[in-house]
N, C-alpha and C. Protein backbone atom coordinates (compact mmCIF):
# COMPACT_ATOMS: atom_id res chain seq x y z
N MET A 1 1.01 -1.17 0.11
CA MET A 1 0.17 -0.03 -0.21
C MET A 1 0.78 1.18 -0.13
N ILE A 2 1.97 1.24 0.65
CA ILE A 2 2.78 2.36 0.60
C ILE A 2 3.40 2.60 -0.87
N LYS A 3 3.69 1.64 -1.55
CA LYS A 3 4.01 1.97 -2.89
C LYS A 3 3.27 2.64 -3.57
N ASP A 4 1.91 2.27 -3.36
CA ASP A 4 0.93 2.76 -4.31
C ASP A 4 0.79 4.10 -4.01
N GLN A 5 0.69 4.58 -2.81
CA GLN A 5 0.95 6.19 -2.17
C GLN A 5 1.96 6.58 -2.59
N VAL A 6 3.25 6.34 -2.57
CA VAL A 6 4.12 7.01 -2.92
C VAL A 6 4.12 7.53 -4.63
N GLY A 7 3.86 6.26 -5.24
CA GLY A 7 3.45 6.65 -6.55
C GLY A 7 2.36 7.70 -7.27
N ARG A 8 1.25 7.27 -6.16
CA ARG A 8 0.30 8.75 -6.40
C ARG A 8 0.66 10.13 -6.15
N ILE A 9 1.47 10.06 -5.14
CA ILE A 9 1.91 11.48 -4.57
C ILE A 9 3.16 11.81 -5.72
N LEU A 10 3.68 11.24 -6.01
CA LEU A 10 4.84 11.76 -6.81
C LEU A 10 4.37 11.61 -8.33
N SER A 11 2.82 11.24 -8.75
CA SER A 11 2.21 11.58 -9.97
C SER A 11 1.61 12.82 -10.04
N VAL A 12 1.42 13.27 -8.59
CA VAL A 12 0.52 14.43 -8.55
C VAL A 12 1.00 15.69 -7.94
N HIS A 13 1.88 15.59 -6.85
CA HIS A 13 2.73 16.62 -6.42
C HIS A 13 3.88 16.94 -7.64
N LEU A 14 3.35 17.60 -8.41
CA LEU A 14 4.48 18.26 -9.37
C LEU A 14 4.82 19.77 -9.15
N ALA A 15 6.08 20.38 -9.78
CA ALA A 15 6.05 21.65 -9.73
C ALA A 15 5.17 22.32 -10.81
N GLY A 16 4.39 23.25 -10.47
CA GLY A 16 3.67 24.14 -11.51
C GLY A 16 4.63 24.90 -12.33
N VAL A 17 4.32 25.82 -13.26
CA VAL A 17 5.07 26.92 -13.98
C VAL A 17 5.13 27.89 -12.88
N ASP A 18 4.54 28.13 -11.92
CA ASP A 18 4.84 29.34 -11.04
C ASP A 18 5.58 29.00 -10.17
N GLY A 19 6.10 27.76 -9.82
CA GLY A 19 6.74 27.17 -8.76
C GLY A 19 6.27 26.75 -7.73
N LEU A 20 5.10 26.40 -7.77
CA LEU A 20 4.08 25.94 -6.52
C LEU A 20 3.77 24.61 -6.92
N CYS A 21 3.78 23.83 -5.68
CA CYS A 21 3.07 22.80 -6.14
C CYS A 21 1.66 22.28 -6.51
N ALA A 22 1.66 21.70 -7.74
CA ALA A 22 0.12 21.41 -8.59
C ALA A 22 -0.89 20.81 -7.53
N GLY A 23 -0.19 19.24 -7.11
CA GLY A 23 -0.85 18.60 -6.30
C GLY A 23 -1.68 19.38 -5.07
N CYS A 24 -0.62 20.28 -4.03
CA CYS A 24 -1.10 20.87 -3.21
C CYS A 24 -2.51 21.71 -3.49
N ARG A 25 -2.22 22.54 -4.53
CA ARG A 25 -3.19 23.43 -5.07
C ARG A 25 -4.35 22.79 -5.43
N TRP A 26 -4.76 21.57 -6.23
CA TRP A 26 -5.71 20.50 -6.64
C TRP A 26 -6.41 20.21 -5.58
N TRP A 27 -5.51 19.25 -4.57
CA TRP A 27 -5.84 18.60 -3.39
C TRP A 27 -6.50 19.58 -2.46
N TRP A 28 -6.24 20.49 -2.24
CA TRP A 28 -6.42 21.17 -0.80
C TRP A 28 -6.40 22.57 -0.96
N ALA A 29 -6.37 22.96 -2.10
CA ALA A 29 -6.37 24.70 -2.31
C ALA A 29 -5.49 25.28 -1.54
N ARG A 30 -4.22 25.14 -1.29
CA ARG A 30 -3.10 25.35 -0.83
C ARG A 30 -2.31 25.85 -1.59
N LEU A 31 -1.47 26.74 -1.47
CA LEU A 31 -0.23 27.45 -2.35
C LEU A 31 0.99 26.85 -1.48
N SER A 32 1.69 25.88 -1.90
CA SER A 32 2.59 25.30 -1.30
C SER A 32 3.91 25.38 -2.14
N PRO A 33 5.13 26.12 -1.68
CA PRO A 33 6.05 25.81 -2.63
C PRO A 33 6.46 24.37 -2.78
N TYR A 34 6.98 24.11 -4.19
CA TYR A 34 7.38 22.95 -4.81
C TYR A 34 9.24 22.64 -4.12
N PRO A 35 9.58 21.66 -3.74
CA PRO A 35 8.81 20.72 -3.21
C PRO A 35 7.86 20.73 -1.99
N CYS A 36 6.98 20.59 -2.05
CA CYS A 36 5.71 20.28 -0.70
C CYS A 36 6.54 19.10 0.02
N TYR A 37 5.74 19.25 1.54
CA TYR A 37 5.86 17.96 2.42
C TYR A 37 5.62 16.69 1.95
N GLN A 38 4.74 16.76 1.27
CA GLN A 38 4.29 15.13 0.66
C GLN A 38 5.34 14.66 -0.37
N ALA A 39 6.03 15.71 -1.37
CA ALA A 39 6.55 15.35 -2.47
C ALA A 39 8.10 15.00 -1.68
N GLU A 40 8.55 15.75 -0.95
CA GLU A 40 9.85 15.45 -0.60
C GLU A 40 9.67 14.23 0.75
N TRP A 41 8.43 13.75 1.12
CA TRP A 41 8.36 12.10 1.94
C TRP A 41 8.24 11.20 0.68
N ALA A 42 7.66 11.32 -0.43
CA ALA A 42 8.12 10.26 -1.39
C ALA A 42 8.75 10.03 -1.90
N THR A 43 9.79 11.51 -2.30
CA THR A 43 11.05 11.04 -2.46
C THR A 43 12.14 10.29 -2.06
N ARG A 44 11.87 10.53 -0.89
CA ARG A 44 12.76 10.14 0.26
C ARG A 44 12.76 8.68 0.31
N LEU A 45 11.48 8.22 0.25
CA LEU A 45 10.93 6.87 0.77
C LEU A 45 11.44 6.44 -1.16
N HIS A 46 10.82 6.80 -1.85
CA HIS A 46 11.64 6.11 -3.12
C HIS A 46 12.82 5.80 -3.36
N ALA A 47 13.55 6.91 -2.91
CA ALA A 47 15.13 6.67 -3.05
C ALA A 47 15.72 6.08 -1.86
N ARG A 48 15.21 5.58 -1.03
CA ARG A 48 15.46 4.66 0.43
C ARG A 48 14.99 3.21 -0.19
N VAL A 49 14.12 3.11 -0.70
CA VAL A 49 13.76 1.76 -1.30
C VAL A 49 14.26 1.30 -2.47
N ALA A 50 14.89 2.23 -3.34
CA ALA A 50 15.88 1.99 -4.63
C ALA A 50 17.20 1.60 -4.20
N THR A 51 17.49 2.53 -3.45
CA THR A 51 19.04 2.38 -2.25
C THR A 51 19.34 1.01 -1.59
N ARG A 52 18.12 0.44 -1.26
CA ARG A 52 17.93 -0.92 -0.60
C ARG A 52 18.05 -1.98 -1.58
N ARG A 53 17.19 -1.96 -2.47
CA ARG A 53 17.33 -2.60 -3.81
C ARG A 53 18.60 -3.27 -4.26
N PHE A 54 19.19 -1.95 -4.45
CA PHE A 54 20.48 -1.95 -4.96
C PHE A 54 21.55 -2.60 -4.17
N LEU A 55 21.59 -2.10 -2.91
CA LEU A 55 22.73 -2.56 -1.82
C LEU A 55 22.24 -3.92 -1.79
N ASP A 56 21.05 -4.50 -1.69
CA ASP A 56 20.79 -6.13 -1.57
C ASP A 56 21.17 -6.77 -2.55
N GLY A 57 21.24 -6.32 -3.74
CA GLY A 57 21.50 -6.72 -5.04
C GLY A 57 23.32 -7.06 -5.12
N LEU A 58 24.00 -6.17 -4.23
CA LEU A 58 25.39 -6.60 -4.27
C LEU A 58 25.86 -7.51 -3.60
N ARG A 59 25.32 -8.10 -2.55
CA ARG A 59 25.41 -9.13 -1.54
C ARG A 59 25.59 -10.50 -2.34
C-alpha cells in the first residue's frame, strides 16, 4: 500500500509553472512551494527503497 501511495503522490505533486506544488493546489487549495512536504516524503521513501534494492543486489 505504501508503494501505491508513493507513486500517487509523486505523480500528482509536481512543480507548476509558477513554482508552486500543483498537487497541493489541486487537492487542498493550498499554495505550497515545490517541493512540498508530501513530495519530499515520497521522494525520500522512493530513494530509500531503490538504494536498499541496489545494495541487496550487491550481496
